[in-house]
């Protein structure tokens, strides 16, 4: 765990760099071996309808949006169950 005044910022920067690398590898894999998935379809549009920078940002957004909505759905569902047993 990072400590000190800038420890959290360094941890966040390292995690961001790792996530960027992971997504770059995923996009390269989907470009060379497309599947029947959303990322492959987006990669196929790269250079035509989507720039490389837009593609990278979009894939990151999909991860965050999917995570956020799932967390909120579970939390709200549990709140209802606990509030109305």
C-alpha atoms as a PDB file:
ATOM      1  CA  UNK A   1       0.000   0.000   0.000  1.00  0.00           C
ATOM      2  CA  UNK A   2       1.315   3.439  -0.875  1.00  0.00           C
ATOM      3  CA  UNK A   3       2.013   5.795   1.962  1.00  0.00           C
ATOM      4  CA  UNK A   4       2.959   9.409   2.319  1.00  0.00           C
ATOM      5  CA  UNK A   5       1.594  12.573   0.879  1.00  0.00           C
ATOM      6  CA  UNK A   6       1.459  11.428  -2.736  1.00  0.00           C
ATOM      7  CA  UNK A   7       1.064   7.695  -2.170  1.00  0.00           C
ATOM      8  CA  UNK A   8      -2.527   7.517  -3.351  1.00  0.00           C
ATOM      9  CA  UNK A   9      -1.756   9.545  -6.468  1.00  0.00           C
ATOM     10  CA  UNK A  10       1.142   7.202  -7.327  1.00  0.00           C
ATOM     11  CA  UNK A  11      -1.066   4.163  -6.734  1.00  0.00           C
ATOM     12  CA  UNK A  12      -3.786   5.627  -8.953  1.00  0.00           C
ATOM     13  CA  UNK A  13      -1.295   6.497 -11.704  1.00  0.00           C
ATOM     14  CA  UNK A  14       0.144   2.971 -11.619  1.00  0.00           C
ATOM     15  CA  UNK A  15      -3.322   1.400 -11.759  1.00  0.00           C
ATOM     16  CA  UNK A  16      -4.282   3.683 -14.659  1.00  0.00           C
ATOM     17  CA  UNK A  17      -1.130   2.729 -16.570  1.00  0.00           C
ATOM     18  CA  UNK A  18      -1.827  -0.971 -15.984  1.00  0.00           C
ATOM     19  CA  UNK A  19      -5.429  -0.576 -17.159  1.00  0.00           C
ATOM     20  CA  UNK A  20      -4.294   1.255 -20.310  1.00  0.00           C
ATOM     21  CA  UNK A  21      -1.825  -1.554 -21.052  1.00  0.00           C
ATOM     22  CA  UNK A  22      -4.488  -4.208 -20.479  1.00  0.00           C
ATOM     23  CA  UNK A  23      -6.918  -2.489 -22.836  1.00  0.00           C
ATOM     24  CA  UNK A  24      -4.233  -1.903 -25.477  1.00  0.00           C
ATOM     25  CA  UNK A  25      -3.464  -5.642 -25.403  1.00  0.00           C
ATOM     26  CA  UNK A  26      -7.179  -6.479 -25.626  1.00  0.00           C
ATOM     27  CA  UNK A  27      -7.672  -4.159 -28.608  1.00  0.00           C
ATOM     28  CA  UNK A  28      -4.629  -5.638 -30.360  1.00  0.00           C
ATOM     29  CA  UNK A  29      -5.959  -9.169 -29.769  1.00  0.00           C
ATOM     30  CA  UNK A  30      -9.407  -8.264 -31.091  1.00  0.00           C
ATOM     31  CA  UNK A  31      -7.863  -6.619 -34.161  1.00  0.00           C
ATOM     32  CA  UNK A  32      -5.917  -9.768 -35.054  1.00  0.00           C
ATOM     33  CA  UNK A  33      -8.526 -12.296 -33.892  1.00  0.00           C
ATOM     34  CA  UNK A  34     -12.014 -10.709 -33.775  1.00  0.00           C
ATOM     35  CA  UNK A  35     -14.769 -12.444 -31.911  1.00  0.00           C
ATOM     36  CA  UNK A  36     -18.516 -12.068 -31.646  1.00  0.00           C
ATOM     37  CA  UNK A  37     -18.386  -9.306 -29.044  1.00  0.00           C
ATOM     38  CA  UNK A  38     -18.813  -5.563 -28.713  1.00  0.00           C
ATOM     39  CA  UNK A  39     -15.095  -4.794 -28.474  1.00  0.00           C
ATOM     40  CA  UNK A  40     -14.418  -6.661 -31.739  1.00  0.00           C
ATOM     41  CA  UNK A  41     -17.196  -4.717 -33.456  1.00  0.00           C
ATOM     42  CA  UNK A  42     -15.759  -1.428 -32.186  1.00  0.00           C
ATOM     43  CA  UNK A  43     -12.245  -2.378 -33.270  1.00  0.00           C
ATOM     44  CA  UNK A  44     -13.604  -3.123 -36.752  1.00  0.00           C
ATOM     45  CA  UNK A  45     -14.814   0.494 -36.931  1.00  0.00           C
ATOM     46  CA  UNK A  46     -11.488   1.950 -35.812  1.00  0.00           C
ATOM     47  CA  UNK A  47     -10.143   4.334 -38.414  1.00  0.00           C
ATOM     48  CA  UNK A  48     -13.528   4.729 -40.077  1.00  0.00           C
ATOM     49  CA  UNK A  49     -16.126   5.770 -37.538  1.00  0.00           C
ATOM     50  CA  UNK A  50     -13.948   5.694 -34.413  1.00  0.00           C
ATOM     51  CA  UNK A  51     -10.470   7.097 -33.906  1.00  0.00           C
ATOM     52  CA  UNK A  52      -7.939   5.072 -31.889  1.00  0.00           C
ATOM     53  CA  UNK A  53      -8.189   7.564 -29.008  1.00  0.00           C
ATOM     54  CA  UNK A  54     -11.998   7.373 -29.047  1.00  0.00           C
ATOM     55  CA  UNK A  55     -11.873   3.590 -29.086  1.00  0.00           C
ATOM     56  CA  UNK A  56      -9.590   3.461 -26.059  1.00  0.00           C
ATOM     57  CA  UNK A  57     -11.777   5.925 -24.150  1.00  0.00           C
ATOM     58  CA  UNK A  58     -14.960   4.090 -25.116  1.00  0.00           C
ATOM     59  CA  UNK A  59     -13.693   0.718 -23.897  1.00  0.00           C
ATOM     60  CA  UNK A  60     -12.671   2.271 -20.573  1.00  0.00           C
ATOM     61  CA  UNK A  61     -16.076   3.944 -20.293  1.00  0.00           C
ATOM     62  CA  UNK A  62     -17.838   0.632 -20.928  1.00  0.00           C
ATOM     63  CA  UNK A  63     -15.942  -0.978 -18.064  1.00  0.00           C
ATOM     64  CA  UNK A  64     -16.678   1.847 -15.650  1.00  0.00           C
ATOM     65  CA  UNK A  65     -20.320   2.208 -16.688  1.00  0.00           C
ATOM     66  CA  UNK A  66     -20.919  -1.529 -16.369  1.00  0.00           C
ATOM     67  CA  UNK A  67     -19.306  -1.591 -12.942  1.00  0.00           C
ATOM     68  CA  UNK A  68     -21.158   1.492 -11.699  1.00  0.00           C
ATOM     69  CA  UNK A  69     -24.609   0.311 -12.744  1.00  0.00           C
ATOM     70  CA  UNK A  70     -24.070  -3.160 -11.293  1.00  0.00           C
ATOM     71  CA  UNK A  71     -22.895  -1.784  -7.953  1.00  0.00           C
ATOM     72  CA  UNK A  72     -25.881   0.571  -7.778  1.00  0.00           C
ATOM     73  CA  UNK A  73     -28.373  -2.135  -8.779  1.00  0.00           C
ATOM     74  CA  UNK A  74     -27.091  -4.527  -6.117  1.00  0.00           C
ATOM     75  CA  UNK A  75     -26.959  -1.802  -3.468  1.00  0.00           C
ATOM     76  CA  UNK A  76     -30.457  -0.547  -4.214  1.00  0.00           C
ATOM     77  CA  UNK A  77     -31.811  -4.086  -4.351  1.00  0.00           C
ATOM     78  CA  UNK A  78     -30.293  -4.939  -0.977  1.00  0.00           C
ATOM     79  CA  UNK A  79     -31.672  -1.716   0.491  1.00  0.00           C
ATOM     80  CA  UNK A  80     -35.180  -2.714  -0.604  1.00  0.00           C
ATOM     81  CA  UNK A  81     -34.820  -6.259   0.708  1.00  0.00           C
ATOM     82  CA  UNK A  82     -33.517  -5.110   4.085  1.00  0.00           C
ATOM     83  CA  UNK A  83     -36.074  -2.294   4.319  1.00  0.00           C
ATOM     84  CA  UNK A  84     -39.036  -4.512   3.403  1.00  0.00           C
ATOM     85  CA  UNK A  85     -38.326  -8.072   4.528  1.00  0.00           C
END
